[in-house]
Amino acid sequence: MIKKILTVTVIVSIVMISSGFIQSDVQKSIVRGKEVYGLYCQNCHMEDGKGMPEVNPPLVKADYMKRPAKDLISVILKGSTASMTVNGKKYLGAMPAQEYLNDEQIADILNYIKNNWGNKIPGTIIPAMVKAQRK
């Protein structure tokens, strides 16, 4: 009986420690993402993430950000010239491809957006996900 309790205690401890490391990595990604966003995204989507009416869509509580990770990665990597509807409003501005950003930068930007301006969108983007889409 004591052996079972000890085993369960060890397993629970490992899970809790691992979760802390994962959370720490996500927080670091978000901090880096804020910096990269400021350099490459804020000119069009604005510092506050509200975009430009009818031209560049908002990122604040944007329903578009709930799309699958592959769609979000793709629009950053490849850009888009199609009009886009976000939160029921149509936007006509083109999104230029940002393929010059590295995998970590793209993951960091998306993690920052998914966890900022009131967004609480689940799912962490990791650099390996971006790398897989470059092929």
C-alpha atoms as a PDB file:
ATOM      1  CA  MET A   1       0.000   0.000   0.000  1.00  0.00           C
ATOM      2  CA  ILE A   2       2.781   2.439   0.921  1.00  0.00           C
ATOM      3  CA  LYS A   3       4.568   1.574  -2.332  1.00  0.00           C
ATOM      4  CA  LYS A   4       1.435   2.503  -4.348  1.00  0.00           C
ATOM      5  CA  ILE A   5       1.070   5.811  -2.507  1.00  0.00           C
ATOM      6  CA  LEU A   6       4.725   6.612  -3.064  1.00  0.00           C
ATOM      7  CA  THR A   7       4.446   5.737  -6.775  1.00  0.00           C
ATOM      8  CA  VAL A   8       1.361   7.926  -7.207  1.00  0.00           C
ATOM      9  CA  THR A   9       3.048  10.784  -5.332  1.00  0.00           C
ATOM     10  CA  VAL A  10       6.114  10.585  -7.584  1.00  0.00           C
ATOM     11  CA  ILE A  11       3.982  10.507 -10.756  1.00  0.00           C
ATOM     12  CA  VAL A  12       1.883  13.476  -9.631  1.00  0.00           C
ATOM     13  CA  SER A  13       5.047  15.416  -8.750  1.00  0.00           C
ATOM     14  CA  ILE A  14       6.572  14.740 -12.174  1.00  0.00           C
ATOM     15  CA  VAL A  15       3.399  15.859 -13.945  1.00  0.00           C
ATOM     16  CA  MET A  16       3.220  19.057 -11.904  1.00  0.00           C
ATOM     17  CA  ILE A  17       6.880  19.890 -12.505  1.00  0.00           C
ATOM     18  CA  SER A  18       6.514  19.172 -16.239  1.00  0.00           C
ATOM     19  CA  SER A  19       3.455  21.411 -16.436  1.00  0.00           C
ATOM     20  CA  GLY A  20       5.465  24.211 -14.840  1.00  0.00           C
ATOM     21  CA  PHE A  21       8.209  23.851 -17.421  1.00  0.00           C
ATOM     22  CA  ILE A  22       5.701  23.817 -20.279  1.00  0.00           C
ATOM     23  CA  GLN A  23       3.935  26.888 -18.889  1.00  0.00           C
ATOM     24  CA  SER A  24       7.288  28.608 -18.481  1.00  0.00           C
ATOM     25  CA  ASP A  25       8.164  27.893 -22.137  1.00  0.00           C
ATOM     26  CA  VAL A  26       4.818  29.295 -23.287  1.00  0.00           C
ATOM     27  CA  GLN A  27       5.313  32.432 -21.203  1.00  0.00           C
ATOM     28  CA  LYS A  28       8.781  32.930 -22.700  1.00  0.00           C
ATOM     29  CA  SER A  29       7.317  32.472 -26.177  1.00  0.00           C
ATOM     30  CA  ILE A  30       4.658  35.103 -25.455  1.00  0.00           C
ATOM     31  CA  VAL A  31       7.302  37.594 -24.252  1.00  0.00           C
ATOM     32  CA  ARG A  32       9.403  37.009 -27.382  1.00  0.00           C
ATOM     33  CA  GLY A  33       6.238  37.198 -29.496  1.00  0.00           C
ATOM     34  CA  LYS A  34       5.423  40.662 -28.187  1.00  0.00           C
ATOM     35  CA  GLU A  35       8.814  41.896 -29.367  1.00  0.00           C
ATOM     36  CA  VAL A  36       8.550  40.256 -32.805  1.00  0.00           C
ATOM     37  CA  TYR A  37       4.947  41.501 -33.169  1.00  0.00           C
ATOM     38  CA  GLY A  38       6.172  45.043 -32.496  1.00  0.00           C
ATOM     39  CA  LEU A  39       8.750  44.752 -35.265  1.00  0.00           C
ATOM     40  CA  TYR A  40       6.745  43.008 -37.998  1.00  0.00           C
ATOM     41  CA  CYS A  41       2.994  43.097 -37.302  1.00  0.00           C
ATOM     42  CA  GLN A  42       2.038  46.242 -35.452  1.00  0.00           C
ATOM     43  CA  ASN A  43       2.340  48.573 -38.457  1.00  0.00           C
ATOM     44  CA  CYS A  44      -0.777  46.996 -39.943  1.00  0.00           C
ATOM     45  CA  HIS A  45      -2.564  45.422 -36.966  1.00  0.00           C
ATOM     46  CA  MET A  46      -1.676  48.300 -34.585  1.00  0.00           C
ATOM     47  CA  GLU A  47      -0.043  48.137 -31.168  1.00  0.00           C
ATOM     48  CA  ASP A  48      -3.416  47.472 -29.535  1.00  0.00           C
ATOM     49  CA  GLY A  49      -4.271  44.697 -32.026  1.00  0.00           C
ATOM     50  CA  LYS A  50      -7.379  46.508 -33.278  1.00  0.00           C
ATOM     51  CA  GLY A  51      -6.240  46.659 -36.918  1.00  0.00           C
ATOM     52  CA  MET A  52      -7.431  49.266 -39.404  1.00  0.00           C
ATOM     53  CA  PRO A  53     -11.155  49.412 -40.260  1.00  0.00           C
ATOM     54  CA  GLU A  54     -11.988  47.753 -43.597  1.00  0.00           C
ATOM     55  CA  VAL A  55      -8.275  47.248 -44.405  1.00  0.00           C
ATOM     56  CA  ASN A  56      -6.431  45.170 -41.798  1.00  0.00           C
ATOM     57  CA  PRO A  57      -8.436  42.945 -39.457  1.00  0.00           C
ATOM     58  CA  PRO A  58      -8.287  43.153 -35.697  1.00  0.00           C
ATOM     59  CA  LEU A  59      -6.546  40.489 -33.649  1.00  0.00           C
ATOM     60  CA  VAL A  60      -8.415  41.486 -30.491  1.00  0.00           C
ATOM     61  CA  LYS A  61     -10.940  38.756 -29.719  1.00  0.00           C
ATOM     62  CA  ALA A  62     -10.823  37.814 -33.421  1.00  0.00           C
ATOM     63  CA  ASP A  63     -12.832  34.742 -34.340  1.00  0.00           C
ATOM     64  CA  TYR A  64     -10.272  34.075 -37.079  1.00  0.00           C
ATOM     65  CA  MET A  65      -7.652  33.292 -34.426  1.00  0.00           C
ATOM     66  CA  LYS A  66      -9.707  30.264 -33.393  1.00  0.00           C
ATOM     67  CA  ARG A  67      -8.995  28.603 -36.741  1.00  0.00           C
ATOM     68  CA  PRO A  68      -6.710  25.551 -36.838  1.00  0.00           C
ATOM     69  CA  ALA A  69      -3.031  26.262 -36.209  1.00  0.00           C
ATOM     70  CA  LYS A  70      -2.121  25.263 -39.768  1.00  0.00           C
ATOM     71  CA  ASP A  71      -4.358  28.033 -41.157  1.00  0.00           C
ATOM     72  CA  LEU A  72      -2.816  30.673 -38.883  1.00  0.00           C
ATOM     73  CA  ILE A  73       0.718  29.557 -39.714  1.00  0.00           C
ATOM     74  CA  SER A  74      -0.089  29.495 -43.424  1.00  0.00           C
ATOM     75  CA  VAL A  75      -1.379  33.066 -43.558  1.00  0.00           C
ATOM     76  CA  ILE A  76       1.841  34.312 -41.931  1.00  0.00           C
ATOM     77  CA  LEU A  77       4.145  32.159 -44.060  1.00  0.00           C
ATOM     78  CA  LYS A  78       2.393  32.589 -47.409  1.00  0.00           C
ATOM     79  CA  GLY A  79       0.361  35.725 -46.929  1.00  0.00           C
ATOM     80  CA  SER A  80      -3.059  36.265 -48.475  1.00  0.00           C
ATOM     81  CA  THR A  81      -4.560  38.490 -51.141  1.00  0.00           C
ATOM     82  CA  ALA A  82      -8.119  37.302 -50.557  1.00  0.00           C
ATOM     83  CA  SER A  83     -10.598  39.407 -48.619  1.00  0.00           C
ATOM     84  CA  MET A  84     -11.120  38.158 -45.095  1.00  0.00           C
ATOM     85  CA  THR A  85     -14.104  38.230 -42.777  1.00  0.00           C
ATOM     86  CA  VAL A  86     -13.285  38.637 -39.103  1.00  0.00           C
ATOM     87  CA  ASN A  87     -15.960  38.981 -36.425  1.00  0.00           C
ATOM     88  CA  GLY A  88     -18.553  39.443 -39.180  1.00  0.00           C
ATOM     89  CA  LYS A  89     -16.745  42.328 -40.922  1.00  0.00           C
ATOM     90  CA  LYS A  90     -14.986  42.171 -44.284  1.00  0.00           C
ATOM     91  CA  TYR A  91     -11.376  43.314 -44.676  1.00  0.00           C
ATOM     92  CA  LEU A  92      -9.768  43.973 -48.050  1.00  0.00           C
ATOM     93  CA  GLY A  93      -6.101  44.531 -47.170  1.00  0.00           C
ATOM     94  CA  ALA A  94      -3.533  42.032 -48.433  1.00  0.00           C
ATOM     95  CA  MET A  95      -1.377  40.173 -45.933  1.00  0.00           C
ATOM     96  CA  PRO A  96       2.188  39.971 -47.249  1.00  0.00           C
ATOM     97  CA  ALA A  97       4.069  36.695 -46.838  1.00  0.00           C
ATOM     98  CA  GLN A  98       6.389  36.711 -43.850  1.00  0.00           C
ATOM     99  CA  GLU A  99       8.438  33.636 -44.816  1.00  0.00           C
ATOM    100  CA  TYR A 100      11.640  35.451 -43.850  1.00  0.00           C
ATOM    101  CA  LEU A 101      10.676  35.060 -40.175  1.00  0.00           C
ATOM    102  CA  ASN A 102      12.107  31.929 -38.591  1.00  0.00           C
ATOM    103  CA  ASP A 103       9.979  29.136 -37.162  1.00  0.00           C
ATOM    104  CA  GLU A 104      10.355  30.296 -33.566  1.00  0.00           C
ATOM    105  CA  GLN A 105       9.401  33.888 -34.436  1.00  0.00           C
ATOM    106  CA  ILE A 106       6.187  32.783 -36.166  1.00  0.00           C
ATOM    107  CA  ALA A 107       5.266  30.474 -33.279  1.00  0.00           C
ATOM    108  CA  ASP A 108       6.012  33.263 -30.789  1.00  0.00           C
ATOM    109  CA  ILE A 109       3.878  35.822 -32.661  1.00  0.00           C
ATOM    110  CA  LEU A 110       0.920  33.443 -32.722  1.00  0.00           C
ATOM    111  CA  ASN A 111       1.304  32.545 -29.038  1.00  0.00           C
ATOM    112  CA  TYR A 112       1.439  36.253 -28.193  1.00  0.00           C
ATOM    113  CA  ILE A 113      -1.717  37.033 -30.181  1.00  0.00           C
ATOM    114  CA  LYS A 114      -3.596  34.008 -28.814  1.00  0.00           C
ATOM    115  CA  ASN A 115      -2.878  35.179 -25.259  1.00  0.00           C
ATOM    116  CA  ASN A 116      -3.169  38.969 -25.474  1.00  0.00           C
ATOM    117  CA  TRP A 117      -5.847  41.694 -25.698  1.00  0.00           C
ATOM    118  CA  GLY A 118      -8.391  39.527 -23.907  1.00  0.00           C
ATOM    119  CA  ASN A 119      -7.760  36.536 -26.183  1.00  0.00           C
ATOM    120  CA  LYS A 120      -7.604  33.252 -24.301  1.00  0.00           C
ATOM    121  CA  ILE A 121      -7.360  30.884 -27.249  1.00  0.00           C
ATOM    122  CA  PRO A 122      -6.180  27.401 -26.295  1.00  0.00           C
ATOM    123  CA  GLY A 123      -3.395  25.598 -28.076  1.00  0.00           C
ATOM    124  CA  THR A 124       0.292  26.409 -28.135  1.00  0.00           C
ATOM    125  CA  ILE A 125       2.097  26.846 -31.449  1.00  0.00           C
ATOM    126  CA  ILE A 126       5.576  25.330 -31.462  1.00  0.00           C
ATOM    127  CA  PRO A 127       8.363  25.941 -33.995  1.00  0.00           C
ATOM    128  CA  ALA A 128       8.149  22.347 -35.271  1.00  0.00           C
ATOM    129  CA  MET A 129       4.573  23.051 -36.429  1.00  0.00           C
ATOM    130  CA  VAL A 130       5.814  25.993 -38.495  1.00  0.00           C
ATOM    131  CA  LYS A 131       8.739  24.002 -39.889  1.00  0.00           C
ATOM    132  CA  ALA A 132       6.372  21.248 -41.029  1.00  0.00           C
ATOM    133  CA  GLN A 133       4.389  23.774 -43.087  1.00  0.00           C
ATOM    134  CA  ARG A 134       7.416  25.235 -44.833  1.00  0.00           C
ATOM    135  CA  LYS A 135       7.842  22.030 -46.830  1.00  0.00           C
END
